[in-house]
């Protein structure tokens, strides 16, 4: 039987599937490229925000937050209302060299505004024990019960009783409860230690002195912050305010966390200023030379800070010779150390109206909330008017108005060509007289350089003054 022949079936082929595959690949690549172009602006930064560059939106965000934080110090809160016209700023953010100005007073204002926040203050007292000697305050008492007085003069002790009893910064106890006692004693204790000579020896003469020092040592900076704050309040301590000084230039690092719609978070630094000491620029030393100098100078002469102790400086004879100083029989006051007497006009005026050098309280007072609110409201009104355009917008955009105007605010009664001026700054008592009114006291004042008193006025300030003068003139003619 012949073999069976199998049927040959030809395979049917088509170009359609490969073409579809090629089209799919090309479209995928094209769409991927298009998507990459589409999200390029979003991927330019870690927040996926389009157009969020360093000189544009980023710079504006930094300026806006800094402005609101400065406002928050004054009124106690920040409110970023979306698209609020008041948040617009008169700055050109299209430039590549857009600068972010930082307030020169913000750091100090923030530091001194925290006086009611015990939860933040108490941990700062638990820094290494050396922090005690660079803490700028003039103590009034050792203990919360006011058993041992420590003010330098009778007049200042009276001020303590009248004004400062609720200020925790004028009590040694707020610091001594929060130091590591053993380390503190190694530095300032012992028979020859500054704390022993100036404070502890006098306390130990009191029937309760030994038990009081033992109680301080047991605190050892270990009391929970909430309990420590409650203890302060139980003794009617309601705030903690250090004295104003210009030895330290306050440093700060301010950051904000920005969260986008996807929940991605990015930390942005909005300001960073390094802390530094001002060396010879420390002019407020004449008002109060600090705890460290008190401890060093008094202990070197065997004097006590405790006012009731016979070793207190008030019971020492006046220094009539250098030999008395060398033998530890007396101690110079600041006036005597620097040779200040009433032959200096500024010294004479300071003694007559303020008091002796070395015992002057400098306190940074907060700006009244009403003033801050008025300035903020005016700024919002001006900004809203600028955004409307028109003549007001053109006037405010005038380059001549962008630079501050410098005014001479000297009263007309003071302008006499035959007069010489000494200045009104008690921290610069030995300035030479000059034929112009000097600049007033400032944090960064230089006693060696004297410049005429000038006041910079911004276009925002000048617009407020213009409107005020128009209304005053209108009222006068009603």
Protein backbone atom coordinates (compact mmCIF):
# COMPACT_ATOMS: atom_id res chain seq x y z
CA UNK A 1 0.00 0.00 0.00
CA UNK A 2 1.48 3.25 -0.99
CA UNK A 3 2.28 5.62 1.90
CA UNK A 4 -0.28 8.16 2.76
CA UNK A 5 0.62 11.66 1.70
CA UNK A 6 -0.01 14.28 4.44
CA UNK A 7 -1.73 17.44 3.32
CA UNK A 8 0.45 20.53 3.22
CA UNK A 9 -1.36 23.54 4.73
CA UNK A 10 0.37 26.86 4.03
CA UNK A 11 0.75 29.26 7.20
CA UNK A 12 -1.29 32.43 7.02
CA UNK A 13 0.82 35.54 8.05
CA UNK A 14 -0.07 39.27 8.60
CA UNK A 15 1.87 42.56 9.06
CA UNK A 16 -0.77 43.99 11.44
CA UNK A 17 0.57 42.83 14.87
CA UNK A 18 4.16 44.08 14.31
CA UNK A 19 2.82 47.40 13.10
CA UNK A 20 0.66 47.72 16.21
CA UNK A 21 3.65 46.93 18.39
CA UNK A 22 5.77 49.56 16.69
CA UNK A 23 3.01 52.12 16.97
CA UNK A 24 2.62 51.27 20.67
CA UNK A 25 6.34 51.70 21.29
CA UNK A 26 6.49 55.00 19.41
CA UNK A 27 3.41 56.35 21.19
CA UNK A 28 4.75 55.22 24.58
CA UNK A 29 8.05 56.98 23.95
CA UNK A 30 6.29 60.09 22.69
CA UNK A 31 3.90 60.21 25.62
CA UNK A 32 6.75 59.57 28.06
CA UNK A 33 8.70 62.42 26.51
CA UNK A 34 5.63 64.64 26.62
CA UNK A 35 5.04 63.73 30.27
CA UNK A 36 8.67 64.46 31.09
CA UNK A 37 8.28 67.89 29.48
CA UNK A 38 4.95 68.37 31.26
CA UNK A 39 6.38 67.70 34.74
CA UNK A 40 9.76 69.35 34.20
CA UNK A 41 8.78 72.41 36.21
CA UNK A 42 7.33 70.21 38.97
CA UNK A 43 10.47 68.07 39.21
CA UNK A 44 12.78 71.07 39.44
CA UNK A 45 12.52 71.01 43.25
CA UNK A 46 11.82 68.52 46.02
CA UNK A 47 8.32 69.88 46.67
CA UNK A 48 7.05 69.25 43.11
CA UNK A 49 6.02 72.90 42.96
CA UNK A 50 6.20 74.51 39.49
CA UNK A 51 8.33 77.66 39.22
CA UNK A 52 9.57 77.29 42.82
CA UNK A 53 13.07 78.64 42.23
CA UNK A 54 15.60 80.19 44.57
CA UNK A 55 15.15 83.80 43.41
CA UNK A 56 11.40 83.71 42.77
CA UNK A 57 8.79 81.84 44.78
CA UNK A 58 11.35 80.56 47.27
CA UNK A 59 12.60 84.08 48.01
CA UNK A 60 9.06 85.39 48.31
CA UNK A 61 8.10 82.58 50.71
CA UNK A 62 11.13 83.37 52.89
CA UNK A 63 10.35 87.11 52.94
CA UNK A 64 6.65 86.56 53.61
CA UNK A 65 7.25 84.17 56.51
CA UNK A 66 9.92 86.44 58.01
CA UNK A 67 7.51 89.37 57.84
CA UNK A 68 4.75 87.37 59.52
CA UNK A 69 7.10 86.04 62.21
CA UNK A 70 8.12 89.59 63.07
CA UNK A 71 4.43 90.42 63.33
CA UNK A 72 3.88 87.31 65.47
CA UNK A 73 6.33 88.57 68.11
CA UNK A 74 4.22 91.70 68.47
CA UNK A 75 0.72 90.22 68.49
CA UNK A 76 1.39 86.61 69.45
CA UNK A 77 0.23 84.68 66.38
CA UNK A 78 0.70 83.97 62.69
CA UNK A 79 -2.14 83.74 60.19
CA UNK A 80 -1.31 82.92 56.56
CA UNK A 81 -4.63 83.64 54.88
CA UNK A 82 -4.47 82.30 51.33
CA UNK A 83 -4.22 85.01 48.66
CA UNK A 84 -4.50 87.78 51.25
CA UNK A 85 -3.42 91.02 49.51
CA UNK A 86 -1.61 92.02 52.69
CA UNK A 87 0.89 89.23 52.02
CA UNK A 88 2.05 90.90 48.80
CA UNK A 89 5.53 92.40 49.13
CA UNK A 90 7.09 95.37 47.26
CA UNK A 91 9.97 93.29 45.93
CA UNK A 92 10.97 92.30 42.38
CA UNK A 93 11.25 88.51 42.47
CA UNK A 94 12.03 88.18 38.76
CA UNK A 95 15.66 89.20 39.26
CA UNK A 96 18.46 86.66 39.62
CA UNK A 97 19.99 88.62 42.51
CA UNK A 98 16.88 88.96 44.68
CA UNK A 99 18.03 89.56 48.25
CA UNK A 100 16.23 88.43 51.40
CA UNK A 101 16.54 91.22 53.96
CA UNK A 102 16.59 90.13 57.59
CA UNK A 103 15.44 92.35 60.43
CA UNK A 104 18.40 93.40 62.56
CA UNK A 105 16.20 93.47 65.67
CA UNK A 106 14.24 90.23 65.20
CA UNK A 107 16.69 87.98 67.06
CA UNK A 108 16.74 90.15 70.17
CA UNK A 109 13.00 90.78 70.04
CA UNK A 110 12.35 87.03 69.87
CA UNK A 111 14.75 86.29 72.73
CA UNK A 112 13.18 88.82 75.08
CA UNK A 113 9.61 88.00 74.02
CA UNK A 114 9.85 84.47 75.46
CA UNK A 115 9.80 85.64 79.08
CA UNK A 116 6.52 83.87 79.88
CA UNK A 117 7.42 80.54 78.25
CA UNK A 118 8.82 78.55 81.17
CA UNK A 119 8.75 75.31 79.16
CA UNK A 120 11.45 76.74 76.88
CA UNK A 121 13.29 78.85 79.46
CA UNK A 122 13.95 76.15 82.07
CA UNK A 123 15.87 73.79 79.72
CA UNK A 124 18.16 76.68 78.74
CA UNK A 125 19.11 77.06 82.42
CA UNK A 126 20.37 73.48 82.39
CA UNK A 127 23.25 74.18 80.04
CA UNK A 128 26.80 73.72 81.41
CA UNK A 129 27.36 75.53 84.70
CA UNK A 130 29.52 78.22 83.05
CA UNK A 131 26.32 79.64 81.58
CA UNK A 132 25.59 81.19 84.96
CA UNK A 133 28.41 83.72 84.63
CA UNK A 134 27.38 84.93 81.16
CA UNK A 135 23.72 85.32 82.04
CA UNK A 136 23.05 89.03 81.98
CA UNK A 137 20.90 89.82 84.95
CA UNK A 138 21.27 91.78 88.17
CA UNK A 139 20.20 89.58 91.04
CA UNK A 140 17.91 90.89 93.76
CA UNK A 141 17.68 87.85 96.03
CA UNK A 142 19.20 84.41 96.47
CA UNK A 143 16.01 82.54 97.37
CA UNK A 144 12.34 82.73 96.41
CA UNK A 145 11.47 83.57 100.04
CA UNK A 146 13.65 86.71 99.71
CA UNK A 147 15.69 85.86 102.81
CA UNK A 148 19.02 87.05 101.36
CA UNK A 149 19.12 90.32 99.40
CA UNK A 150 21.83 90.85 96.78
CA UNK A 151 21.20 94.19 95.02
CA UNK A 152 24.22 96.50 94.74
CA UNK A 153 22.58 99.60 96.19
CA UNK A 154 19.74 100.59 98.50
CA UNK A 155 17.95 102.26 95.59
CA UNK A 156 18.13 99.15 93.43
CA UNK A 157 16.95 96.88 96.24
CA UNK A 158 13.94 99.18 96.55
CA UNK A 159 13.35 98.79 92.79
CA UNK A 160 13.54 95.04 93.22
CA UNK A 161 10.80 95.15 95.84
CA UNK A 162 8.62 97.45 93.76
CA UNK A 163 9.05 96.02 90.24
CA UNK A 164 10.94 92.74 89.98
CA UNK A 165 9.59 90.36 92.63
CA UNK A 166 7.77 88.32 89.95
CA UNK A 167 10.79 88.11 87.63
CA UNK A 168 12.53 84.75 88.00
CA UNK A 169 15.71 86.10 86.42
CA UNK A 170 16.56 88.18 89.52
CA UNK A 171 16.66 85.15 91.84
CA UNK A 172 19.79 83.02 92.14
CA UNK A 173 17.53 80.09 93.00
CA UNK A 174 16.17 79.75 89.45
CA UNK A 175 19.71 79.06 88.24
CA UNK A 176 21.01 77.10 91.24
CA UNK A 177 18.11 74.64 91.17
CA UNK A 178 18.95 73.78 87.57
CA UNK A 179 22.73 73.35 87.55
CA UNK A 180 24.59 70.10 88.02
CA UNK A 181 25.64 70.82 91.57
CA UNK A 182 28.89 68.85 91.67
CA UNK A 183 30.22 70.48 88.49
CA UNK A 184 29.12 73.90 89.70
CA UNK A 185 30.91 73.41 93.02
CA UNK A 186 34.10 72.29 91.28
CA UNK A 187 34.10 75.53 89.32
CA UNK A 188 32.87 78.05 91.90
CA UNK A 189 32.75 76.23 95.25
CA UNK A 190 35.39 75.14 97.73
CA UNK A 191 37.02 77.34 100.34
CA UNK A 192 38.44 79.77 97.76
CA UNK A 193 35.62 79.54 95.22
CA UNK A 194 33.84 82.67 94.01
CA UNK A 195 30.38 81.35 94.95
CA UNK A 196 31.58 80.33 98.41
CA UNK A 197 33.13 83.71 99.17
CA UNK A 198 30.41 85.93 97.73
CA UNK A 199 27.26 83.98 98.66
CA UNK A 200 27.60 80.63 100.45
CA UNK A 201 29.63 81.87 103.44
CA UNK A 202 26.96 84.43 104.29
CA UNK A 203 24.13 81.91 103.82
CA UNK A 204 25.80 79.43 106.16
CA UNK A 205 25.69 82.04 108.93
CA UNK A 206 21.89 81.81 108.85
CA UNK A 207 20.14 79.07 110.91
CA UNK A 208 18.49 77.73 107.75
CA UNK A 209 21.48 78.27 105.48
CA UNK A 210 22.96 74.78 105.57
CA UNK A 211 19.64 73.07 104.87
CA UNK A 212 18.91 75.53 102.06
CA UNK A 213 22.18 74.76 100.25
CA UNK A 214 21.55 71.04 100.72
CA UNK A 215 18.10 71.44 99.20
CA UNK A 216 19.60 73.22 96.16
CA UNK A 217 22.15 70.44 95.67
CA UNK A 218 19.38 67.83 95.68
CA UNK A 219 17.53 69.56 92.83
CA UNK A 220 20.59 69.08 90.61
CA UNK A 221 18.71 70.11 87.47
CA UNK A 222 16.65 66.92 87.59
CA UNK A 223 13.20 68.26 88.48
CA UNK A 224 10.82 67.67 85.52
CA UNK A 225 10.30 70.90 83.59
CA UNK A 226 6.54 70.96 84.25
CA UNK A 227 7.12 70.52 87.99
CA UNK A 228 9.86 73.15 88.00
CA UNK A 229 7.54 75.64 86.27
CA UNK A 230 4.77 74.85 88.76
CA UNK A 231 7.21 75.44 91.63
CA UNK A 232 8.12 78.85 90.22
CA UNK A 233 4.50 79.84 89.87
CA UNK A 234 3.75 78.66 93.40
CA UNK A 235 6.27 81.29 94.54
CA UNK A 236 4.60 84.01 92.43
CA UNK A 237 7.22 83.91 89.67
CA UNK A 238 5.25 84.81 86.57
CA UNK A 239 7.99 85.65 84.03
CA UNK A 240 11.73 85.40 83.40
CA UNK A 241 13.28 88.47 81.79
CA UNK A 242 17.01 89.02 81.47
CA UNK A 243 18.50 92.48 81.27
CA UNK A 244 19.23 94.06 77.90
CA UNK A 245 22.91 94.01 76.89
CA UNK A 246 25.02 94.42 73.78
CA UNK A 247 27.91 92.09 74.63
CA UNK A 248 26.37 89.22 72.69
CA UNK A 249 24.92 89.54 69.22
CA UNK A 250 22.12 86.98 69.30
CA UNK A 251 22.32 84.17 66.76
CA UNK A 252 19.41 82.27 65.25
CA UNK A 253 18.59 79.50 62.80
CA UNK A 254 14.97 79.67 61.65
CA UNK A 255 13.50 76.86 59.55
CA UNK A 256 10.02 75.98 58.32
CA UNK A 257 8.70 72.65 57.10
CA UNK A 258 6.72 72.94 53.86
CA UNK A 259 4.35 70.07 53.03
CA UNK A 260 2.88 69.68 49.54
CA UNK A 261 -0.37 68.01 48.45
CA UNK A 262 1.37 64.63 48.22
CA UNK A 263 2.51 64.83 51.83
CA UNK A 264 6.14 65.36 50.86
CA UNK A 265 7.94 67.53 53.41
CA UNK A 266 10.90 69.81 52.86
CA UNK A 267 12.74 71.89 55.44
CA UNK A 268 13.57 75.44 54.32
CA UNK A 269 15.98 77.73 56.16
CA UNK A 270 14.46 81.19 56.24
CA UNK A 271 17.20 82.90 58.22
CA UNK A 272 20.54 82.05 59.75
CA UNK A 273 22.64 84.48 61.78
CA UNK A 274 25.70 83.43 63.78
CA UNK A 275 26.02 84.47 67.41
CA UNK A 276 29.09 86.48 68.30
CA UNK A 277 30.56 88.63 71.02
CA UNK A 278 31.13 92.31 70.37
CA UNK A 279 34.34 92.72 72.38
CA UNK A 280 35.12 96.41 72.82
CA UNK A 281 31.65 97.20 71.45
CA UNK A 282 30.15 96.13 74.79
CA UNK A 283 29.00 99.57 75.92
CA UNK A 284 26.21 98.40 78.26
CA UNK A 285 28.93 97.09 80.59
CA UNK A 286 28.76 100.47 82.33
CA UNK A 287 25.11 99.86 83.19
CA UNK A 288 25.80 96.39 84.57
CA UNK A 289 28.99 94.43 84.05
CA UNK A 290 27.41 91.03 84.51
CA UNK A 291 27.41 88.19 87.00
CA UNK A 292 30.85 86.94 85.98
CA UNK A 293 32.53 90.24 86.84
CA UNK A 294 30.58 90.46 90.09
CA UNK A 295 31.82 87.04 91.17
CA UNK A 296 35.41 87.63 90.08
CA UNK A 297 35.91 91.14 91.47
CA UNK A 298 34.05 90.70 94.75
CA UNK A 299 35.62 87.32 95.54
CA UNK A 300 39.13 88.61 94.80
CA UNK A 301 38.62 91.19 97.54
CA UNK A 302 36.79 88.86 99.92
CA UNK A 303 33.50 90.74 99.62
CA UNK A 304 30.03 89.25 99.93
CA UNK A 305 27.03 89.85 97.66
CA UNK A 306 24.62 89.38 100.57
CA UNK A 307 23.56 92.82 101.70
CA UNK A 308 23.15 91.90 105.37
CA UNK A 309 26.59 90.31 105.62
CA UNK A 310 29.38 92.37 107.28
CA UNK A 311 31.63 91.47 104.34
CA UNK A 312 29.28 93.26 101.92
CA UNK A 313 30.81 96.15 100.01
CA UNK A 314 28.43 98.67 101.58
CA UNK A 315 30.19 98.17 104.93
CA UNK A 316 33.67 98.65 103.45
CA UNK A 317 35.48 101.99 103.71
CA UNK A 318 35.82 104.18 100.66
CA UNK A 319 38.95 103.65 98.60
CA UNK A 320 41.20 106.60 99.38
CA UNK A 321 44.45 105.07 98.15
CA UNK A 322 45.70 102.41 95.79
CA UNK A 323 47.27 100.63 98.76
CA UNK A 324 43.80 100.03 100.20
CA UNK A 325 42.73 98.43 96.93
CA UNK A 326 45.90 96.32 96.73
CA UNK A 327 45.41 95.09 100.30
CA UNK A 328 41.77 94.16 99.69
CA UNK A 329 40.55 96.73 102.22
CA UNK A 330 38.11 98.24 99.73
CA UNK A 331 36.85 97.77 96.19
CA UNK A 332 36.39 100.40 93.54
CA UNK A 333 32.96 101.07 92.09
CA UNK A 334 32.68 101.27 88.30
CA UNK A 335 32.73 105.06 88.54
CA UNK A 336 35.98 104.94 90.52
CA UNK A 337 37.57 102.28 88.31
CA UNK A 338 37.05 104.39 85.18
CA UNK A 339 37.58 107.77 86.82
CA UNK A 340 34.04 108.96 86.18
CA UNK A 341 32.99 111.97 88.19
CA UNK A 342 30.51 114.78 87.74
CA UNK A 343 33.01 116.83 85.75
CA UNK A 344 31.82 114.80 82.75
CA UNK A 345 28.45 116.25 81.63
CA UNK A 346 27.02 112.85 80.64
CA UNK A 347 28.18 111.27 83.92
CA UNK A 348 26.62 114.15 85.83
CA UNK A 349 23.32 113.76 83.96
CA UNK A 350 23.35 109.97 84.44
CA UNK A 351 23.97 110.22 88.18
CA UNK A 352 21.26 112.83 88.56
CA UNK A 353 18.53 111.18 86.48
CA UNK A 354 19.32 107.44 86.50
CA UNK A 355 21.79 106.51 89.23
CA UNK A 356 25.31 105.20 89.70
CA UNK A 357 26.98 103.17 86.98
CA UNK A 358 26.98 99.43 87.55
CA UNK A 359 23.48 99.34 89.01
CA UNK A 360 21.27 100.44 86.11
CA UNK A 361 18.53 98.12 84.87
CA UNK A 362 18.11 97.96 81.09
CA UNK A 363 14.94 96.19 79.98
CA UNK A 364 13.75 95.79 76.39
CA UNK A 365 10.10 96.78 76.39
CA UNK A 366 7.72 95.16 73.94
CA UNK A 367 6.12 97.30 71.25
CA UNK A 368 2.51 98.07 72.24
CA UNK A 369 0.12 95.74 70.43
CA UNK A 370 -2.03 98.69 69.36
CA UNK A 371 0.91 100.32 67.55
CA UNK A 372 1.85 97.07 65.83
CA UNK A 373 -1.75 96.45 64.77
CA UNK A 374 -2.03 99.98 63.36
CA UNK A 375 1.18 99.56 61.32
CA UNK A 376 0.08 96.16 60.03
CA UNK A 377 -3.34 97.50 59.03
CA UNK A 378 -1.80 100.45 57.22
CA UNK A 379 0.59 98.15 55.37
CA UNK A 380 -2.35 95.98 54.26
CA UNK A 381 -4.27 99.05 53.02
CA UNK A 382 -1.29 100.38 51.06
CA UNK A 383 -0.59 96.96 49.53
CA UNK A 384 -4.21 96.54 48.45
CA UNK A 385 -4.18 100.00 46.85
CA UNK A 386 -0.94 99.23 44.98
CA UNK A 387 -2.46 96.03 43.59
CA UNK A 388 -5.33 98.04 42.11
CA UNK A 389 -2.86 99.85 39.84
CA UNK A 390 -3.34 103.42 38.69
CA UNK A 391 -1.55 106.54 39.83
CA UNK A 392 -0.89 105.28 43.35
CA UNK A 393 0.81 102.18 41.96
CA UNK A 394 2.97 104.30 39.65
CA UNK A 395 3.95 106.63 42.48
CA UNK A 396 4.91 103.79 44.81
CA UNK A 397 6.91 102.11 42.04
CA UNK A 398 8.92 105.26 41.42
CA UNK A 399 12.61 104.40 41.94
CA UNK A 400 13.11 107.63 43.83
CA UNK A 401 10.69 106.33 46.45
CA UNK A 402 12.33 102.92 46.74
CA UNK A 403 15.32 104.30 48.62
CA UNK A 404 14.68 105.57 52.16
CA UNK A 405 14.72 109.29 52.76
CA UNK A 406 17.02 110.50 55.51
CA UNK A 407 15.51 113.13 57.77
CA UNK A 408 17.09 115.36 60.37
CA UNK A 409 14.73 115.13 63.37
CA UNK A 410 16.51 117.71 65.52
CA UNK A 411 14.08 120.13 67.23
CA UNK A 412 14.38 123.68 65.99
CA UNK A 413 15.04 124.91 69.53
CA UNK A 414 18.24 122.85 69.57
CA UNK A 415 19.75 124.42 66.47
CA UNK A 416 22.15 127.04 67.76
CA UNK A 417 25.49 127.57 65.96
CA UNK A 418 27.14 128.44 69.28
CA UNK A 419 26.22 125.18 70.99
CA UNK A 420 28.21 121.99 71.30
CA UNK A 421 26.56 118.62 71.85
CA UNK A 422 27.68 115.72 74.07
CA UNK A 423 25.04 113.20 73.07
CA UNK A 424 22.45 111.58 75.30
CA UNK A 425 23.91 108.08 75.56
CA UNK A 426 24.85 107.15 79.15
CA UNK A 427 26.92 104.22 77.84
CA UNK A 428 29.33 106.69 76.16
CA UNK A 429 30.04 109.14 79.00
CA UNK A 430 33.40 110.51 77.81
CA UNK A 431 32.57 111.62 74.27
CA UNK A 432 34.05 114.90 73.10
CA UNK A 433 31.61 117.72 72.30
CA UNK A 434 30.77 118.27 68.63
CA UNK A 435 28.83 121.01 66.77
CA UNK A 436 25.95 118.68 65.77
CA UNK A 437 23.39 116.50 67.53
CA UNK A 438 24.74 112.95 67.59
CA UNK A 439 22.90 109.76 66.74
CA UNK A 440 20.93 108.40 69.68
CA UNK A 441 21.68 105.20 71.57
CA UNK A 442 21.70 101.97 69.59
CA UNK A 443 22.60 98.32 70.08
CA UNK A 444 25.64 98.65 67.82
CA UNK A 445 26.65 102.11 68.98
CA UNK A 446 30.31 103.11 68.75
CA UNK A 447 31.50 105.55 71.38
CA UNK A 448 34.55 106.45 69.28
CA UNK A 449 32.64 107.42 66.13
CA UNK A 450 30.04 110.19 66.30
CA UNK A 451 27.63 110.76 63.43
CA UNK A 452 24.80 113.28 63.06
CA UNK A 453 21.35 112.18 64.19
CA UNK A 454 19.45 111.00 61.10
CA UNK A 455 16.23 109.06 60.68
CA UNK A 456 15.59 106.82 57.64
CA UNK A 457 11.99 106.95 56.41
CA UNK A 458 10.67 104.32 53.99
CA UNK A 459 8.02 105.01 51.34
CA UNK A 460 5.48 103.12 53.48
CA UNK A 461 6.22 105.39 56.44
CA UNK A 462 6.16 108.52 54.30
CA UNK A 463 2.78 107.56 52.81
CA UNK A 464 1.36 107.18 56.31
CA UNK A 465 2.78 110.55 57.35
CA UNK A 466 1.34 112.18 54.23
CA UNK A 467 -2.17 110.86 54.86
CA UNK A 468 -1.96 111.75 58.55
CA UNK A 469 -0.90 115.31 57.77
CA UNK A 470 -3.76 115.68 55.26
CA UNK A 471 -6.30 114.52 57.83
CA UNK A 472 -4.82 116.75 60.52
CA UNK A 473 -5.00 119.70 58.13
CA UNK A 474 -8.62 118.82 57.28
CA UNK A 475 -9.60 118.61 60.94
CA UNK A 476 -8.02 121.98 61.63
CA UNK A 477 -10.24 123.59 58.99
CA UNK A 478 -13.52 122.02 60.11
